[in-house]
Amino acid sequence: MTAPRRGRIEAVAEKAAVTPLELFFDLVFVFALTRVTDWMADDPTVEAVVRGALILTVMWWTWVGYAWIGNVAKADEGVIRVGMFVAMAGVFIGAITIPEAFDDLPGGLYGPAVFAAAYFFVRTVHIVLFWFASRDDPMLRKQVLRFLPSMLIGTVLLLVAAQTSGSVQTLLWLAAIVGDYLGTVLAGTDWRLRSAAHFAERHGLIVIVALGESIVSIGIGVAALPVSWPIIGASALGLAVAGALWWAYFDVTSILTEHALAEARGGRRIRLARGGYSFLHLPMVVGVIMMSLGLKKVLLYVGGGEEHSLTDPIYGVPLAALYGGAALYLLAHVGFKRYVIGTLNVERIVVAALLLVLIPVVAHLPALVTLLVLAVVLVALVAYETVRFAEQRDRVRHAG
């Protein structure tokens, strides 16, 4: 029997599932999401939220690259396995540096440059792994070469941004992201997507990671406070909110979109994967993290932390993040379904608009009541859809 090569590349099968190494890889992103939420919560200003969204976008783009390579070559075999571990180190260093991604803290290395260098390192490892994975596929190798300029533009602009400050720095970050995303679109559709099931599962799991951060935020918000009935009630409401958002994605939408991706072929499959998953899942994740910021503040208010009382309202940026984050998540869902399967979910558009309209209304209510209103609206949405589309839902969930 011939021994396998140490550096072998093993292609992913059509019915492949996410590997344990990919789940392990996601742990660094769990940490990164927590760092972003905590950093924004320390000083919840508009500038902090904008910069937090930019950091999330950059971290997301690093994750997306490894979701694609893991769909071409098995992540837990040969050189790809080694590369995944190496990339994890880079992502982890970037996550550690998130509080200094824009403004350096006294002492130590220069934070913005370290973050930019970590990003450049992770993206470089990604390109190298794709180069190995495409060694027997000339078309894919050409695609990698067409993609290389956009990667360089994004990373170089981020390195330049590290040497600036203020609005110039923020604009350079934005330019780096836009350049990278537009370059990805213009690079073409000669990528490979070997397993729709794997790709859909991969993105579903990162949504769970984001929703898990919302639950973590609930716990962190009251970690140093004595437990009380208001805290218990607010925690239950927070879980209801996270559960409703989970239901909105996984009850039917994830099944329908995975089937549509599996049925697509050629360039259409790549466009659906890139637009529906790589692009439109980003606002879902951003929406959940923004909502997590609001949840953390609500629990702090309810528990009487930072000299707040049970009757104090949550207002300003934390309130906008709480309701606006949930609305963004729902609107991203609408766009995702529309792009992948062509249906328009009017109910979710209406609810998202309602949440935005309610922001100035609930700004004068106690924080616990504000959270109650959000939970009632979201639970009512999923209950309505479950009853209204019961027959279609049953066919989708129990087909075959």
Protein backbone atom coordinates (compact mmCIF):
# COMPACT_ATOMS: atom_id res chain seq x y z
CA MET A 1 0.00 0.00 0.00
CA THR A 2 1.33 3.43 -0.95
CA ALA A 3 1.67 5.85 1.93
CA PRO A 4 -0.19 9.15 1.46
CA ARG A 5 1.87 12.26 0.85
CA ARG A 6 2.27 14.52 3.86
CA GLY A 7 1.39 17.62 1.85
CA ARG A 8 -1.54 16.09 0.03
CA ILE A 9 -4.63 18.07 -0.93
CA GLU A 10 -7.86 16.12 -0.52
CA ALA A 11 -10.84 17.48 -2.44
CA VAL A 12 -14.11 18.12 -0.60
CA ALA A 13 -17.00 15.82 -1.57
CA GLU A 14 -20.46 17.12 -2.53
CA LYS A 15 -22.08 15.84 0.67
CA ALA A 16 -19.23 16.89 2.95
CA ALA A 17 -19.88 18.25 6.42
CA VAL A 18 -17.97 20.87 8.38
CA THR A 19 -14.82 19.38 9.91
CA PRO A 20 -13.90 19.56 13.61
CA LEU A 21 -10.88 21.68 12.69
CA GLU A 22 -13.14 24.31 11.11
CA LEU A 23 -15.20 24.40 14.29
CA PHE A 24 -11.99 24.81 16.27
CA PHE A 25 -10.93 27.56 13.86
CA ASP A 26 -14.17 29.44 14.61
CA LEU A 27 -13.25 29.70 18.29
CA VAL A 28 -10.91 32.60 17.53
CA PHE A 29 -13.83 34.40 15.89
CA VAL A 30 -15.95 33.82 18.99
CA PHE A 31 -13.25 35.66 20.90
CA ALA A 32 -13.04 38.39 18.24
CA LEU A 33 -16.79 39.07 18.36
CA THR A 34 -16.67 39.29 22.15
CA ARG A 35 -13.77 41.76 21.95
CA VAL A 36 -15.66 43.99 19.50
CA THR A 37 -18.79 44.02 21.67
CA ASP A 38 -16.84 44.82 24.83
CA TRP A 39 -14.84 47.54 23.09
CA MET A 40 -17.96 49.28 21.77
CA ALA A 41 -19.76 48.93 25.12
CA ASP A 42 -16.93 50.72 26.97
CA ASP A 43 -17.72 53.95 25.08
CA PRO A 44 -20.93 53.51 23.04
CA THR A 45 -20.65 56.49 20.70
CA VAL A 46 -21.58 56.72 17.03
CA GLU A 47 -17.88 56.73 16.13
CA ALA A 48 -17.27 53.60 18.21
CA VAL A 49 -20.16 51.78 16.54
CA VAL A 50 -19.00 52.76 13.05
CA ARG A 51 -15.47 51.65 13.80
CA GLY A 52 -16.77 48.48 15.44
CA ALA A 53 -18.69 47.68 12.25
CA LEU A 54 -15.51 48.23 10.21
CA ILE A 55 -13.54 45.88 12.47
CA LEU A 56 -16.29 43.27 12.17
CA THR A 57 -16.20 43.59 8.38
CA VAL A 58 -12.43 43.06 8.26
CA MET A 59 -12.63 40.07 10.62
CA TRP A 60 -15.53 38.69 8.59
CA TRP A 61 -13.53 38.87 5.39
CA THR A 62 -10.74 36.84 6.94
CA TRP A 63 -13.28 34.19 8.03
CA VAL A 64 -14.92 34.10 4.58
CA GLY A 65 -11.64 33.27 2.86
CA TYR A 66 -11.17 30.16 4.97
CA ALA A 67 -14.79 29.11 4.48
CA TRP A 68 -14.07 29.03 0.73
CA ILE A 69 -10.76 27.19 0.97
CA GLY A 70 -12.38 24.65 3.30
CA ASN A 71 -14.94 23.97 0.59
CA VAL A 72 -12.27 23.23 -2.01
CA ALA A 73 -9.85 21.12 0.04
CA LYS A 74 -10.52 19.29 3.30
CA ALA A 75 -9.45 21.55 6.15
CA ASP A 76 -8.15 18.72 8.34
CA GLU A 77 -5.83 17.08 5.81
CA GLY A 78 -2.25 17.72 4.78
CA VAL A 79 -0.91 21.21 4.21
CA ILE A 80 -4.36 22.78 4.57
CA ARG A 81 -4.52 21.57 8.18
CA VAL A 82 -1.17 23.20 8.95
CA GLY A 83 -2.24 26.40 7.22
CA MET A 84 -5.46 26.58 9.22
CA PHE A 85 -3.52 26.43 12.49
CA VAL A 86 -1.06 29.06 11.27
CA ALA A 87 -3.95 31.33 10.22
CA MET A 88 -5.62 30.85 13.60
CA ALA A 89 -2.57 32.37 15.26
CA GLY A 90 -2.82 35.43 13.03
CA VAL A 91 -6.55 35.85 13.65
CA PHE A 92 -6.06 35.47 17.39
CA ILE A 93 -3.37 38.15 17.46
CA GLY A 94 -5.67 40.43 15.47
CA ALA A 95 -8.50 39.75 17.93
CA ILE A 96 -6.27 40.55 20.90
CA THR A 97 -5.40 43.87 19.24
CA ILE A 98 -9.01 44.92 18.47
CA PRO A 99 -9.12 47.58 21.26
CA GLU A 100 -6.06 49.16 19.61
CA ALA A 101 -7.08 48.68 15.98
CA PHE A 102 -7.65 52.44 15.59
CA ASP A 103 -6.03 54.11 18.60
CA ASP A 104 -2.81 52.88 20.19
CA LEU A 105 -2.71 52.35 23.94
CA PRO A 106 0.28 53.51 26.01
CA GLY A 107 3.18 51.07 26.13
CA GLY A 108 3.92 47.98 24.08
CA LEU A 109 3.80 47.69 20.31
CA TYR A 110 1.92 50.12 18.08
CA GLY A 111 -1.57 48.59 18.09
CA PRO A 112 -2.98 49.75 14.70
CA ALA A 113 0.10 48.45 12.87
CA VAL A 114 -0.06 45.10 14.70
CA PHE A 115 -3.72 44.67 13.75
CA ALA A 116 -3.04 45.55 10.10
CA ALA A 117 -0.03 43.23 9.99
CA ALA A 118 -2.07 40.37 11.48
CA TYR A 119 -4.73 40.92 8.82
CA PHE A 120 -2.10 40.93 6.08
CA PHE A 121 -0.58 37.73 7.47
CA VAL A 122 -3.93 35.88 7.59
CA ARG A 123 -4.84 36.95 4.05
CA THR A 124 -1.40 35.88 2.78
CA VAL A 125 -1.77 32.42 4.32
CA HIS A 126 -5.18 32.17 2.65
CA ILE A 127 -3.72 32.94 -0.79
CA VAL A 128 -0.88 30.46 -0.27
CA LEU A 129 -3.34 27.71 0.67
CA PHE A 130 -5.44 28.43 -2.42
CA TRP A 131 -2.26 28.29 -4.51
CA PHE A 132 -1.56 24.79 -3.19
CA ALA A 133 -5.20 23.72 -3.62
CA SER A 134 -5.23 24.87 -7.26
CA ARG A 135 -2.07 23.11 -8.38
CA ASP A 136 -4.03 20.62 -10.52
CA ASP A 137 -6.70 23.13 -11.59
CA PRO A 138 -5.36 25.78 -14.03
CA MET A 139 -8.67 27.67 -14.16
CA LEU A 140 -8.82 27.99 -10.37
CA ARG A 141 -5.17 29.09 -10.28
CA LYS A 142 -5.94 31.86 -12.77
CA GLN A 143 -8.86 32.90 -10.58
CA VAL A 144 -6.56 33.13 -7.58
CA LEU A 145 -4.20 35.36 -9.57
CA ARG A 146 -7.10 37.63 -10.61
CA PHE A 147 -8.14 37.88 -6.97
CA LEU A 148 -4.64 38.77 -5.73
CA PRO A 149 -4.76 42.53 -6.61
CA SER A 150 -7.91 43.14 -4.56
CA MET A 151 -6.36 41.38 -1.59
CA LEU A 152 -3.26 43.52 -1.90
CA ILE A 153 -5.25 46.73 -2.23
CA GLY A 154 -7.24 46.00 0.91
CA THR A 155 -4.31 44.98 3.05
CA VAL A 156 -1.98 47.78 1.89
CA LEU A 157 -4.64 50.43 2.55
CA LEU A 158 -5.14 49.00 6.03
CA LEU A 159 -1.41 49.21 6.66
CA VAL A 160 -1.43 52.83 5.46
CA ALA A 161 -4.43 53.56 7.70
CA ALA A 162 -2.42 52.36 10.69
CA GLN A 163 -0.12 55.36 10.22
CA THR A 164 -2.98 57.89 10.35
CA SER A 165 -5.70 58.90 12.81
CA GLY A 166 -9.17 60.39 13.05
CA SER A 167 -11.50 60.62 10.06
CA VAL A 168 -8.67 59.98 7.59
CA GLN A 169 -7.98 56.65 9.27
CA THR A 170 -11.67 55.69 9.21
CA LEU A 171 -11.98 56.60 5.52
CA LEU A 172 -8.89 54.55 4.66
CA TRP A 173 -10.40 51.57 6.47
CA LEU A 174 -13.57 52.03 4.46
CA ALA A 175 -11.58 52.30 1.23
CA ALA A 176 -9.68 49.11 2.08
CA ILE A 177 -12.92 47.21 2.61
CA VAL A 178 -14.65 48.59 -0.48
CA GLY A 179 -11.60 47.88 -2.62
CA ASP A 180 -11.40 44.31 -1.38
CA TYR A 181 -15.10 43.62 -1.89
CA LEU A 182 -15.33 45.24 -5.32
CA GLY A 183 -12.15 43.48 -6.40
CA THR A 184 -13.68 40.17 -5.38
CA VAL A 185 -16.73 40.82 -7.57
CA LEU A 186 -14.66 41.97 -10.55
CA ALA A 187 -12.25 39.02 -10.25
CA GLY A 188 -14.82 36.67 -11.78
CA THR A 189 -16.64 33.44 -10.94
CA ASP A 190 -14.07 30.74 -11.70
CA TRP A 191 -13.86 29.71 -8.07
CA ARG A 192 -14.84 26.22 -6.96
CA LEU A 193 -17.72 25.37 -4.67
CA ARG A 194 -17.64 21.61 -4.29
CA SER A 195 -20.23 21.18 -1.55
CA ALA A 196 -23.33 23.33 -1.13
CA ALA A 197 -24.16 21.46 2.08
CA HIS A 198 -20.77 22.25 3.60
CA PHE A 199 -20.89 25.91 2.56
CA ALA A 200 -24.41 26.46 3.90
CA GLU A 201 -23.60 24.66 7.15
CA ARG A 202 -20.43 26.70 7.55
CA HIS A 203 -22.35 29.98 7.35
CA GLY A 204 -25.15 28.70 9.53
CA LEU A 205 -22.62 27.91 12.22
CA ILE A 206 -21.13 31.40 12.12
CA VAL A 207 -24.64 32.81 12.59
CA ILE A 208 -24.91 30.62 15.69
CA VAL A 209 -21.55 31.97 16.84
CA ALA A 210 -22.89 35.52 16.51
CA LEU A 211 -26.11 34.64 18.33
CA GLY A 212 -24.00 33.00 21.01
CA GLU A 213 -22.26 36.33 21.50
CA SER A 214 -25.65 37.94 22.22
CA ILE A 215 -26.17 35.36 24.97
CA VAL A 216 -22.65 35.91 26.31
CA SER A 217 -23.38 39.65 26.43
CA ILE A 218 -26.39 38.99 28.64
CA GLY A 219 -24.21 37.12 31.12
CA ILE A 220 -21.33 39.61 31.01
CA GLY A 221 -23.72 42.51 31.54
CA VAL A 222 -24.63 41.24 34.99
CA ALA A 223 -21.53 39.22 35.89
CA ALA A 224 -20.55 41.50 38.76
CA LEU A 225 -24.10 42.19 39.99
CA PRO A 226 -26.14 40.25 42.57
CA VAL A 227 -28.86 38.16 40.97
CA SER A 228 -32.39 39.55 41.25
CA TRP A 229 -35.83 38.98 39.77
CA PRO A 230 -35.39 41.82 37.24
CA ILE A 231 -32.11 40.28 36.10
CA ILE A 232 -33.76 36.87 35.74
CA GLY A 233 -36.63 38.39 33.77
CA ALA A 234 -34.32 40.42 31.51
CA SER A 235 -32.13 37.36 30.90
CA ALA A 236 -35.17 35.33 29.87
CA LEU A 237 -36.28 38.10 27.51
CA GLY A 238 -32.79 38.32 26.03
CA LEU A 239 -32.81 34.58 25.37
CA ALA A 240 -36.25 34.94 23.75
CA VAL A 241 -34.85 37.61 21.41
CA ALA A 242 -31.86 35.44 20.46
CA GLY A 243 -34.15 32.42 20.04
CA ALA A 244 -36.48 34.34 17.72
CA LEU A 245 -33.57 35.39 15.52
CA TRP A 246 -32.33 31.79 15.48
CA TRP A 247 -35.82 30.63 14.45
CA ALA A 248 -36.00 33.22 11.68
CA TYR A 249 -32.86 31.74 10.06
CA PHE A 250 -32.90 28.02 10.80
CA ASP A 251 -36.57 27.06 10.76
CA VAL A 252 -37.03 27.27 6.98
CA THR A 253 -34.72 29.83 5.38
CA SER A 254 -31.49 27.87 5.83
CA ILE A 255 -33.08 24.77 4.27
CA LEU A 256 -34.52 26.54 1.23
CA THR A 257 -31.36 28.48 0.49
CA GLU A 258 -29.15 25.41 0.83
CA HIS A 259 -31.35 23.55 -1.68
CA ALA A 260 -31.16 26.48 -4.11
CA LEU A 261 -27.37 26.59 -3.80
CA ALA A 262 -27.12 22.83 -4.36
CA GLU A 263 -29.26 23.01 -7.50
CA ALA A 264 -27.26 25.88 -9.04
CA ARG A 265 -24.39 25.12 -11.38
CA GLY A 266 -21.29 26.84 -12.71
CA GLY A 267 -21.01 30.59 -12.38
CA ARG A 268 -24.51 30.89 -10.95
CA ARG A 269 -23.56 28.73 -7.95
CA ILE A 270 -20.51 30.91 -7.31
CA ARG A 271 -22.59 34.10 -7.56
CA LEU A 272 -25.20 32.75 -5.14
CA ALA A 273 -22.51 31.69 -2.69
CA ARG A 274 -20.61 34.95 -2.95
CA GLY A 275 -23.61 37.30 -2.90
CA GLY A 276 -25.98 35.39 -0.63
CA TYR A 277 -23.52 33.94 1.84
CA SER A 278 -20.19 35.81 1.75
CA PHE A 279 -21.76 39.26 1.34
CA LEU A 280 -25.29 39.17 2.80
CA HIS A 281 -24.41 37.18 5.89
CA LEU A 282 -22.14 40.03 6.99
CA PRO A 283 -25.01 42.41 7.87
CA MET A 284 -26.67 39.56 9.77
CA VAL A 285 -23.58 39.15 11.93
CA VAL A 286 -23.13 42.91 12.32
CA GLY A 287 -26.80 43.25 13.29
CA VAL A 288 -26.51 40.59 15.98
CA ILE A 289 -23.33 42.11 17.43
CA MET A 290 -24.92 45.56 17.54
CA MET A 291 -27.93 44.04 19.25
CA SER A 292 -25.54 42.37 21.72
CA LEU A 293 -24.22 45.80 22.64
CA GLY A 294 -27.76 46.89 23.48
CA LEU A 295 -28.51 43.71 25.42
CA LYS A 296 -25.39 44.17 27.52
CA LYS A 297 -26.44 47.69 28.44
CA VAL A 298 -30.05 46.67 29.22
CA LEU A 299 -28.89 44.01 31.67
CA LEU A 300 -26.54 46.50 33.28
CA TYR A 301 -29.38 48.99 33.73
CA VAL A 302 -31.80 46.37 35.03
CA GLY A 303 -29.26 45.08 37.53
CA GLY A 304 -28.55 48.57 38.88
CA GLY A 305 -24.98 48.73 37.58
CA GLU A 306 -23.10 51.99 36.97
CA GLU A 307 -25.49 53.89 39.28
CA HIS A 308 -28.53 53.05 37.16
CA SER A 309 -31.90 51.97 38.53
CA LEU A 310 -34.61 49.62 37.31
CA THR A 311 -36.72 52.54 36.08
CA ASP A 312 -33.99 54.15 33.97
CA PRO A 313 -34.56 54.09 30.20
CA ILE A 314 -31.96 52.94 27.71
CA TYR A 315 -31.46 55.59 25.05
CA GLY A 316 -29.03 56.93 22.48
CA VAL A 317 -26.54 54.62 20.78
CA PRO A 318 -27.24 51.51 22.94
CA LEU A 319 -30.98 51.73 22.16
CA ALA A 320 -30.34 52.31 18.45
CA ALA A 321 -27.96 49.34 18.47
CA LEU A 322 -30.50 47.11 20.22
CA TYR A 323 -33.46 47.79 17.94
CA GLY A 324 -31.47 48.77 14.85
CA GLY A 325 -29.32 45.64 15.11
CA ALA A 326 -32.39 43.40 15.16
CA ALA A 327 -33.86 45.34 12.21
CA LEU A 328 -30.60 45.01 10.25
CA TYR A 329 -30.58 41.26 10.89
CA LEU A 330 -34.13 40.90 9.54
CA LEU A 331 -33.47 43.06 6.48
CA ALA A 332 -30.32 41.06 5.71
CA HIS A 333 -32.50 37.94 5.86
CA VAL A 334 -34.89 39.47 3.37
CA GLY A 335 -32.03 40.30 1.02
CA PHE A 336 -30.51 36.84 1.46
CA LYS A 337 -33.74 35.01 0.57
CA ARG A 338 -34.46 37.38 -2.30
CA TYR A 339 -31.00 36.91 -3.77
CA VAL A 340 -30.80 33.13 -3.41
CA ILE A 341 -34.35 31.86 -3.92
CA GLY A 342 -36.10 34.91 -5.37
CA THR A 343 -38.84 35.34 -2.74
CA LEU A 344 -39.60 38.57 -0.89
CA ASN A 345 -40.51 38.32 2.79
CA VAL A 346 -42.76 41.34 3.29
CA GLU A 347 -43.54 40.45 6.91
CA ARG A 348 -39.93 40.85 7.95
CA ILE A 349 -39.60 44.17 6.13
CA VAL A 350 -42.65 45.44 8.01
CA VAL A 351 -41.29 44.26 11.37
CA ALA A 352 -37.86 45.76 10.67
CA ALA A 353 -39.51 49.10 9.84
CA LEU A 354 -41.64 48.83 12.98
CA LEU A 355 -38.57 48.34 15.15
CA LEU A 356 -36.97 51.47 13.73
CA VAL A 357 -40.16 53.47 14.26
CA LEU A 358 -40.36 52.25 17.86
CA ILE A 359 -36.92 53.57 18.82
CA PRO A 360 -38.06 57.10 19.80
CA VAL A 361 -41.20 55.64 21.43
CA VAL A 362 -39.44 53.23 23.79
CA ALA A 363 -36.64 55.71 24.57
CA HIS A 364 -38.74 56.98 27.49
CA LEU A 365 -39.60 53.55 28.91
CA PRO A 366 -37.63 51.59 31.52
CA ALA A 367 -34.91 49.45 29.94
CA LEU A 368 -36.66 46.22 30.96
CA VAL A 369 -39.88 47.30 29.23
CA THR A 370 -37.88 48.25 26.13
CA LEU A 371 -36.45 44.74 26.01
CA LEU A 372 -39.90 43.26 26.60
CA VAL A 373 -41.30 45.15 23.60
CA LEU A 374 -38.48 43.89 21.38
CA ALA A 375 -38.99 40.30 22.52
CA VAL A 376 -42.77 40.49 21.96
CA VAL A 377 -42.36 41.89 18.44
CA LEU A 378 -39.80 39.28 17.36
CA VAL A 379 -41.61 36.32 18.95
CA ALA A 380 -44.87 37.50 17.39
CA LEU A 381 -43.15 37.58 13.99
CA VAL A 382 -41.94 33.99 14.13
CA ALA A 383 -45.26 32.82 15.61
CA TYR A 384 -47.17 34.52 12.79
CA GLU A 385 -44.93 33.02 10.10
CA THR A 386 -45.16 29.57 11.70
CA VAL A 387 -48.97 29.63 11.66
CA ARG A 388 -49.45 31.57 8.42
CA PHE A 389 -47.16 29.32 6.38
CA ALA A 390 -47.73 26.08 8.29
CA GLU A 391 -48.31 23.86 5.23
CA GLN A 392 -45.35 25.21 3.25
CA ARG A 393 -43.18 25.01 6.34
CA ASP A 394 -44.12 21.37 6.92
CA ARG A 395 -43.28 20.46 3.32
CA VAL A 396 -39.89 22.12 3.51
CA ARG A 397 -38.89 20.69 6.88
CA HIS A 398 -40.16 17.15 6.27
CA ALA A 399 -39.66 16.67 2.54
CA GLY A 400 -38.51 13.22 1.47
